[in-house]
C-alpha atoms as a PDB file:
ATOM      1  CA  MET A   1      -0.318 -21.356  -3.584  1.00  0.00           C
ATOM      2  CA  ASN A   2       2.392 -22.981  -5.691  1.00  0.00           C
ATOM      3  CA  ASP A   3       2.670 -20.551  -8.607  1.00  0.00           C
ATOM      4  CA  LYS A   4       5.440 -17.973  -8.818  1.00  0.00           C
ATOM      5  CA  ILE A   5       3.222 -15.097  -7.681  1.00  0.00           C
ATOM      6  CA  ILE A   6       6.076 -13.297  -5.905  1.00  0.00           C
ATOM      7  CA  TYR A   7       7.948 -10.952  -8.222  1.00  0.00           C
ATOM      8  CA  ASP A   8      10.889 -10.474  -5.875  1.00  0.00           C
ATOM      9  CA  ILE A   9      11.984 -10.364  -2.229  1.00  0.00           C
ATOM     10  CA  THR A  10      13.893  -7.526  -0.591  1.00  0.00           C
ATOM     11  CA  PRO A  11      15.776  -9.329   2.188  1.00  0.00           C
ATOM     12  CA  PHE A  12      16.164  -6.378   4.534  1.00  0.00           C
ATOM     13  CA  THR A  13      14.636  -2.951   5.164  1.00  0.00           C
ATOM     14  CA  HIS A  14      14.427  -0.647   8.151  1.00  0.00           C
ATOM     15  CA  LEU A  15      12.289   1.943   6.327  1.00  0.00           C
ATOM     16  CA  ASP A  16       9.139   0.163   5.154  1.00  0.00           C
ATOM     17  CA  TYR A  17       7.801  -1.207   8.445  1.00  0.00           C
ATOM     18  CA  PRO A  18       7.656   1.327  11.295  1.00  0.00           C
ATOM     19  CA  ASN A  19      10.091   0.447  14.072  1.00  0.00           C
ATOM     20  CA  LYS A  20      10.845  -3.003  12.678  1.00  0.00           C
ATOM     21  CA  LEU A  21      13.506  -4.733  10.624  1.00  0.00           C
ATOM     22  CA  ALA A  22      11.683  -6.498   7.839  1.00  0.00           C
ATOM     23  CA  ALA A  23      11.777  -8.224   4.480  1.00  0.00           C
ATOM     24  CA  ILE A  24       9.571  -6.994   1.626  1.00  0.00           C
ATOM     25  CA  VAL A  25       7.597  -9.424  -0.507  1.00  0.00           C
ATOM     26  CA  TRP A  26       6.639  -7.969  -3.897  1.00  0.00           C
ATOM     27  CA  PHE A  27       3.552  -9.648  -5.381  1.00  0.00           C
ATOM     28  CA  CYS A  28       2.970  -9.764  -9.133  1.00  0.00           C
ATOM     29  CA  GLY A  29       0.178  -7.807 -10.753  1.00  0.00           C
ATOM     30  CA  CYS A  30      -2.216  -5.047  -9.792  1.00  0.00           C
ATOM     31  CA  ASN A  31      -5.834  -4.119 -10.492  1.00  0.00           C
ATOM     32  CA  MET A  32      -4.893  -0.447 -10.928  1.00  0.00           C
ATOM     33  CA  ARG A  33      -2.829   1.425 -13.492  1.00  0.00           C
ATOM     34  CA  CYS A  34      -1.790   4.513 -11.526  1.00  0.00           C
ATOM     35  CA  ILE A  35      -0.142   6.831 -13.992  1.00  0.00           C
ATOM     36  CA  TYR A  36       2.628   7.830 -11.568  1.00  0.00           C
ATOM     37  CA  CYS A  37       3.430   4.227 -10.560  1.00  0.00           C
ATOM     38  CA  TYR A  38       7.139   3.423 -10.765  1.00  0.00           C
ATOM     39  CA  ASN A  39       6.630  -0.314 -10.242  1.00  0.00           C
ATOM     40  CA  SER A  40       5.308  -0.962 -13.740  1.00  0.00           C
ATOM     41  CA  ASP A  41       7.466  -4.085 -14.132  1.00  0.00           C
ATOM     42  CA  ILE A  42       5.711  -5.581 -11.116  1.00  0.00           C
ATOM     43  CA  VAL A  43       2.247  -4.327 -12.097  1.00  0.00           C
ATOM     44  CA  PHE A  44       2.376  -5.929 -15.548  1.00  0.00           C
ATOM     45  CA  SER A  45       4.196  -9.102 -14.507  1.00  0.00           C
ATOM     46  CA  LYS A  46       2.398 -12.422 -14.933  1.00  0.00           C
ATOM     47  CA  GLU A  47       5.006 -14.523 -13.173  1.00  0.00           C
ATOM     48  CA  GLY A  48       7.656 -13.759 -10.607  1.00  0.00           C
ATOM     49  CA  GLU A  49      10.810 -15.323  -9.241  1.00  0.00           C
ATOM     50  CA  TYR A  50       9.416 -17.119  -6.190  1.00  0.00           C
ATOM     51  CA  THR A  51       6.585 -19.329  -5.053  1.00  0.00           C
ATOM     52  CA  PRO A  52       5.049 -18.934  -1.573  1.00  0.00           C
ATOM     53  CA  LYS A  53       6.811 -22.167  -0.608  1.00  0.00           C
ATOM     54  CA  GLU A  54      10.154 -20.636  -1.554  1.00  0.00           C
ATOM     55  CA  LEU A  55       9.278 -17.506   0.426  1.00  0.00           C
ATOM     56  CA  ILE A  56       8.615 -19.590   3.527  1.00  0.00           C
ATOM     57  CA  ALA A  57      11.950 -21.365   3.083  1.00  0.00           C
ATOM     58  CA  PHE A  58      13.665 -17.973   2.883  1.00  0.00           C
ATOM     59  CA  LEU A  59      11.882 -16.663   5.985  1.00  0.00           C
ATOM     60  CA  LYS A  60      12.785 -19.722   8.025  1.00  0.00           C
ATOM     61  CA  LYS A  61      16.411 -18.651   7.632  1.00  0.00           C
ATOM     62  CA  ARG A  62      15.521 -15.158   8.909  1.00  0.00           C
ATOM     63  CA  VAL A  63      13.850 -16.185  12.172  1.00  0.00           C
ATOM     64  CA  GLY A  64      15.554 -14.252  14.945  1.00  0.00           C
ATOM     65  CA  LEU A  65      17.127 -11.842  12.454  1.00  0.00           C
ATOM     66  CA  LEU A  66      14.027  -9.983  11.261  1.00  0.00           C
ATOM     67  CA  ASP A  67      11.015  -8.643  13.133  1.00  0.00           C
ATOM     68  CA  GLY A  68       8.496  -8.499  10.337  1.00  0.00           C
ATOM     69  CA  VAL A  69       7.426  -9.074   6.766  1.00  0.00           C
ATOM     70  CA  VAL A  70       5.937  -6.460   4.429  1.00  0.00           C
ATOM     71  CA  LEU A  71       3.462  -7.727   1.845  1.00  0.00           C
ATOM     72  CA  SER A  72       3.582  -5.288  -1.053  1.00  0.00           C
ATOM     73  CA  GLY A  73       3.396  -5.186  -4.823  1.00  0.00           C
ATOM     74  CA  GLY A  74       1.664  -4.751  -7.125  1.00  0.00           C
ATOM     75  CA  GLU A  75      -1.401  -5.536  -5.049  1.00  0.00           C
ATOM     76  CA  PRO A  76      -1.081  -8.419  -2.565  1.00  0.00           C
ATOM     77  CA  THR A  77      -4.837  -8.773  -1.990  1.00  0.00           C
ATOM     78  CA  LEU A  78      -5.263 -10.152  -5.508  1.00  0.00           C
ATOM     79  CA  TYR A  79      -4.230 -13.439  -3.908  1.00  0.00           C
ATOM     80  CA  ASP A  80      -5.490 -15.658  -1.113  1.00  0.00           C
ATOM     81  CA  LEU A  81      -3.132 -14.430   1.567  1.00  0.00           C
ATOM     82  CA  LEU A  82      -4.627 -16.267   4.534  1.00  0.00           C
ATOM     83  CA  PRO A  83      -2.674 -19.560   4.344  1.00  0.00           C
ATOM     84  CA  LEU A  84       0.571 -17.719   3.625  1.00  0.00           C
ATOM     85  CA  CYS A  85       0.050 -15.265   6.485  1.00  0.00           C
ATOM     86  CA  ARG A  86      -0.715 -18.098   8.880  1.00  0.00           C
ATOM     87  CA  GLN A  87       2.657 -19.677   8.098  1.00  0.00           C
ATOM     88  CA  ILE A  88       4.465 -16.356   8.453  1.00  0.00           C
ATOM     89  CA  LYS A  89       2.790 -15.657  11.802  1.00  0.00           C
ATOM     90  CA  GLU A  90       3.620 -19.155  13.044  1.00  0.00           C
ATOM     91  CA  MET A  91       7.299 -18.263  12.616  1.00  0.00           C
ATOM     92  CA  GLY A  92       6.819 -15.281  14.910  1.00  0.00           C
ATOM     93  CA  PHE A  93       6.957 -12.453  12.369  1.00  0.00           C
ATOM     94  CA  SER A  94       4.756  -9.381  12.431  1.00  0.00           C
ATOM     95  CA  ILE A  95       3.046  -8.637   9.120  1.00  0.00           C
ATOM     96  CA  LYS A  96       2.494  -5.300   7.414  1.00  0.00           C
ATOM     97  CA  LEU A  97       0.218  -5.098   4.382  1.00  0.00           C
ATOM     98  CA  ASP A  98       0.567  -2.433   1.691  1.00  0.00           C
ATOM     99  CA  THR A  99      -2.733  -2.211  -0.170  1.00  0.00           C
ATOM    100  CA  ASN A 100      -4.918  -0.017  -2.341  1.00  0.00           C
ATOM    101  CA  GLY A 101      -7.897  -1.253  -0.349  1.00  0.00           C
ATOM    102  CA  THR A 102      -9.961  -2.397  -3.304  1.00  0.00           C
ATOM    103  CA  HIS A 103     -10.408  -5.931  -1.978  1.00  0.00           C
ATOM    104  CA  PRO A 104     -12.090  -5.216   1.373  1.00  0.00           C
ATOM    105  CA  ASP A 105     -13.161  -8.837   1.885  1.00  0.00           C
ATOM    106  CA  VAL A 106      -9.522  -9.970   1.936  1.00  0.00           C
ATOM    107  CA  VAL A 107      -8.543  -7.172   4.332  1.00  0.00           C
ATOM    108  CA  LYS A 108     -11.462  -7.976   6.622  1.00  0.00           C
ATOM    109  CA  GLU A 109     -10.488 -11.652   6.787  1.00  0.00           C
ATOM    110  CA  LEU A 110      -6.860 -10.871   7.562  1.00  0.00           C
ATOM    111  CA  VAL A 111      -7.752  -8.391  10.300  1.00  0.00           C
ATOM    112  CA  THR A 112     -10.526 -10.517  11.821  1.00  0.00           C
ATOM    113  CA  GLU A 113      -8.265 -13.578  12.003  1.00  0.00           C
ATOM    114  CA  GLU A 114      -5.399 -11.451  13.396  1.00  0.00           C
ATOM    115  CA  LEU A 115      -3.117 -12.388  10.519  1.00  0.00           C
ATOM    116  CA  VAL A 116      -1.876  -8.856   9.871  1.00  0.00           C
ATOM    117  CA  ASP A 117      -0.530  -6.335  12.363  1.00  0.00           C
ATOM    118  CA  TYR A 118      -0.262  -3.074  10.441  1.00  0.00           C
ATOM    119  CA  ILE A 119      -1.669  -1.747   7.168  1.00  0.00           C
ATOM    120  CA  ALA A 120      -0.549   1.045   4.878  1.00  0.00           C
ATOM    121  CA  LEU A 121      -3.626   2.085   2.906  1.00  0.00           C
ATOM    122  CA  ASP A 122      -3.107   4.032  -0.301  1.00  0.00           C
ATOM    123  CA  PHE A 123      -5.587   6.880  -0.794  1.00  0.00           C
ATOM    124  CA  LYS A 124      -4.925   7.435  -4.474  1.00  0.00           C
ATOM    125  CA  ALA A 125      -7.161  10.437  -5.143  1.00  0.00           C
ATOM    126  CA  LYS A 126     -10.489  12.016  -4.329  1.00  0.00           C
ATOM    127  CA  ASN A 127     -13.482  10.451  -6.037  1.00  0.00           C
ATOM    128  CA  GLY A 128     -13.552  12.967  -8.884  1.00  0.00           C
ATOM    129  CA  LYS A 129      -9.952  12.186  -9.900  1.00  0.00           C
ATOM    130  CA  PHE A 130      -9.757   8.573  -8.765  1.00  0.00           C
ATOM    131  CA  GLY A 131     -10.649   6.997 -12.095  1.00  0.00           C
ATOM    132  CA  TYR A 132      -8.280   9.149 -14.124  1.00  0.00           C
ATOM    133  CA  ILE A 133      -5.288   8.627 -11.827  1.00  0.00           C
ATOM    134  CA  THR A 134      -5.798   4.908 -11.119  1.00  0.00           C
ATOM    135  CA  GLY A 135      -7.583   3.600 -14.210  1.00  0.00           C
ATOM    136  CA  SER A 136     -10.051   2.018 -11.775  1.00  0.00           C
ATOM    137  CA  SER A 137     -13.665   2.584 -10.758  1.00  0.00           C
ATOM    138  CA  ARG A 138     -13.319   0.923  -7.352  1.00  0.00           C
ATOM    139  CA  PHE A 139     -13.402   4.012  -5.135  1.00  0.00           C
ATOM    140  CA  ASP A 140     -16.332   2.560  -3.170  1.00  0.00           C
ATOM    141  CA  LYS A 141     -14.299  -0.564  -2.403  1.00  0.00           C
ATOM    142  CA  PHE A 142     -11.461   1.616  -1.110  1.00  0.00           C
ATOM    143  CA  THR A 143     -13.817   3.512   1.212  1.00  0.00           C
ATOM    144  CA  GLU A 144     -15.298   0.219   2.435  1.00  0.00           C
ATOM    145  CA  THR A 145     -11.819  -0.855   3.530  1.00  0.00           C
ATOM    146  CA  LEU A 146     -11.131   2.554   5.045  1.00  0.00           C
ATOM    147  CA  ASP A 147     -14.375   2.517   7.051  1.00  0.00           C
ATOM    148  CA  PHE A 148     -13.731  -1.007   8.280  1.00  0.00           C
ATOM    149  CA  LEU A 149     -10.235  -0.190   9.551  1.00  0.00           C
ATOM    150  CA  ILE A 150     -11.491   2.956  11.288  1.00  0.00           C
ATOM    151  CA  GLN A 151     -14.388   1.117  12.931  1.00  0.00           C
ATOM    152  CA  ARG A 152     -12.074  -1.634  14.139  1.00  0.00           C
ATOM    153  CA  ALA A 153      -9.599   0.936  15.497  1.00  0.00           C
ATOM    154  CA  PHE A 154      -6.955  -1.086  13.681  1.00  0.00           C
ATOM    155  CA  ASP A 155      -3.334   0.045  13.539  1.00  0.00           C
ATOM    156  CA  PHE A 156      -3.012   1.573  10.059  1.00  0.00           C
ATOM    157  CA  GLU A 157      -1.832   4.596   8.149  1.00  0.00           C
ATOM    158  CA  VAL A 158      -3.203   6.451   5.149  1.00  0.00           C
ATOM    159  CA  ARG A 159      -0.792   7.637   2.481  1.00  0.00           C
ATOM    160  CA  THR A 160      -0.991   9.488  -0.827  1.00  0.00           C
ATOM    161  CA  THR A 161       1.572   9.947  -3.576  1.00  0.00           C
ATOM    162  CA  VAL A 162       1.675  13.592  -4.652  1.00  0.00           C
ATOM    163  CA  HIS A 163       2.493  14.644  -8.199  1.00  0.00           C
ATOM    164  CA  PRO A 164       1.577  18.353  -8.371  1.00  0.00           C
ATOM    165  CA  ASP A 165       0.360  18.061 -11.963  1.00  0.00           C
ATOM    166  CA  LEU A 166      -2.201  15.533 -10.712  1.00  0.00           C
ATOM    167  CA  LEU A 167      -2.991  16.573  -7.151  1.00  0.00           C
ATOM    168  CA  GLN A 168      -2.939  20.096  -5.767  1.00  0.00           C
ATOM    169  CA  PRO A 169      -3.341  21.307  -2.156  1.00  0.00           C
ATOM    170  CA  GLU A 170      -7.099  21.766  -2.635  1.00  0.00           C
ATOM    171  CA  ASP A 171      -7.342  18.090  -3.634  1.00  0.00           C
ATOM    172  CA  ILE A 172      -5.368  16.997  -0.588  1.00  0.00           C
ATOM    173  CA  ASN A 173      -7.531  19.224   1.614  1.00  0.00           C
ATOM    174  CA  GLN A 174     -10.674  17.598   0.254  1.00  0.00           C
ATOM    175  CA  MET A 175      -9.149  14.168   0.841  1.00  0.00           C
ATOM    176  CA  MET A 176      -8.392  15.147   4.436  1.00  0.00           C
ATOM    177  CA  GLU A 177     -11.993  16.288   4.832  1.00  0.00           C
ATOM    178  CA  GLU A 178     -13.137  12.897   3.580  1.00  0.00           C
ATOM    179  CA  LEU A 179     -10.835  11.084   5.995  1.00  0.00           C
ATOM    180  CA  LYS A 180     -11.858  13.152   8.980  1.00  0.00           C
ATOM    181  CA  SER A 181     -15.571  12.905   8.186  1.00  0.00           C
ATOM    182  CA  ARG A 182     -15.218   9.118   8.257  1.00  0.00           C
ATOM    183  CA  GLY A 183     -13.469   9.202  11.628  1.00  0.00           C
ATOM    184  CA  TYR A 184      -9.794   8.969  10.719  1.00  0.00           C
ATOM    185  CA  ARG A 185      -7.607  10.889  13.180  1.00  0.00           C
ATOM    186  CA  GLY A 186      -4.118   9.567  12.499  1.00  0.00           C
ATOM    187  CA  PRO A 187      -1.259  11.129  10.549  1.00  0.00           C
ATOM    188  CA  TYR A 188      -1.713  11.612   6.822  1.00  0.00           C
ATOM    189  CA  TYR A 189       1.438  10.560   4.989  1.00  0.00           C
ATOM    190  CA  LEU A 190       2.220  12.384   1.758  1.00  0.00           C
ATOM    191  CA  GLN A 191       4.803  10.795  -0.520  1.00  0.00           C
ATOM    192  CA  LYS A 192       6.686  12.791  -3.124  1.00  0.00           C
ATOM    193  CA  PHE A 193       6.516  11.475  -6.680  1.00  0.00           C
ATOM    194  CA  ILE A 194       9.635   9.576  -7.736  1.00  0.00           C
ATOM    195  CA  LYS A 195      10.637   9.975 -11.372  1.00  0.00           C
ATOM    196  CA  THR A 196      11.698   6.769 -13.078  1.00  0.00           C
ATOM    197  CA  ASN A 197      12.090   5.772 -16.713  1.00  0.00           C
ATOM    198  CA  ASN A 198       9.247   3.267 -16.650  1.00  0.00           C
ATOM    199  CA  ASN A 199       6.347   4.811 -14.760  1.00  0.00           C
ATOM    200  CA  ILE A 200       3.019   3.707 -16.183  1.00  0.00           C
ATOM    201  CA  GLY A 201       1.874   7.098 -17.462  1.00  0.00           C
ATOM    202  CA  ASP A 202       5.331   8.039 -18.726  1.00  0.00           C
ATOM    203  CA  ILE A 203       5.078  11.269 -16.775  1.00  0.00           C
ATOM    204  CA  GLY A 204       8.042  13.431 -15.904  1.00  0.00           C
ATOM    205  CA  GLU A 205       8.955  15.846 -13.175  1.00  0.00           C
ATOM    206  CA  PRO A 206       6.094  18.164 -12.158  1.00  0.00           C
ATOM    207  CA  ILE A 207       5.570  21.367 -14.077  1.00  0.00           C
ATOM    208  CA  THR A 208       3.114  22.744 -11.544  1.00  0.00           C
ATOM    209  CA  CYS A 209       4.176  24.084  -8.163  1.00  0.00           C
ATOM    210  CA  PHE A 210       2.715  22.536  -5.018  1.00  0.00           C
ATOM    211  CA  ASP A 211       2.158  25.292  -2.424  1.00  0.00           C
ATOM    212  CA  THR A 212       2.326  23.546   0.949  1.00  0.00           C
ATOM    213  CA  THR A 213       1.157  26.721   2.709  1.00  0.00           C
ATOM    214  CA  LYS A 214      -2.312  26.081   1.258  1.00  0.00           C
ATOM    215  CA  LEU A 215      -2.652  22.737   3.037  1.00  0.00           C
ATOM    216  CA  SER A 216      -5.170  22.725   5.865  1.00  0.00           C
ATOM    217  CA  ASN A 217      -4.450  21.506   9.380  1.00  0.00           C
ATOM    218  CA  LEU A 218      -7.368  19.076   9.535  1.00  0.00           C
ATOM    219  CA  LEU A 219      -4.948  16.191  10.051  1.00  0.00           C
ATOM    220  CA  PRO A 220      -1.274  15.993  10.999  1.00  0.00           C
ATOM    221  CA  ILE A 221       0.692  15.745   7.738  1.00  0.00           C
ATOM    222  CA  VAL A 222       3.948  13.816   7.481  1.00  0.00           C
ATOM    223  CA  TRP A 223       5.992  14.118   4.281  1.00  0.00           C
ATOM    224  CA  ARG A 224       8.066  11.228   3.023  1.00  0.00           C
END
């Protein structure tokens, strides 16, 4: 892993890794084109600012100052993360992975080898809207990752970005039904759409109202 596959590094965050001070590693590229995505620069990037070797050099200076490292993007599982995660773990850091779940084999390896401690899994949309919102047909790969994490009783969260013109309460309710039917019992994190000037679909602020009173109580909902 010598190429500059890391778009950027955020040296410090207390928001992105629950109960930990962490750095965020932003990996180049993604296999989705979510129309609300505000990280389009990262998604379309072919080369970043740092190599994995340079990341390790940076983290060596943060030993004792940070608790963890967040692997985000883009989509980190586009890359062979195992050797990098081994080096990060050897320095004593906890690792959180942000992923769309469409590379279940990578997730399974990381979890099985205990190279990741926490996962934030993006549930982009129900199956009927998944292709339109993400530009991807890999819903089955997402559910494979979801089922694996549930069966392993791994420490993870499920989160969905809500743009009311794209997802309405009935969609979220159906997504909760899907989660619960598969055995998920944790909190369901809903993230409000953030308007930027370079989101992939060039979409603006919602026109449609999102009536939170129509959300079911199948799962505990936490808004971010």
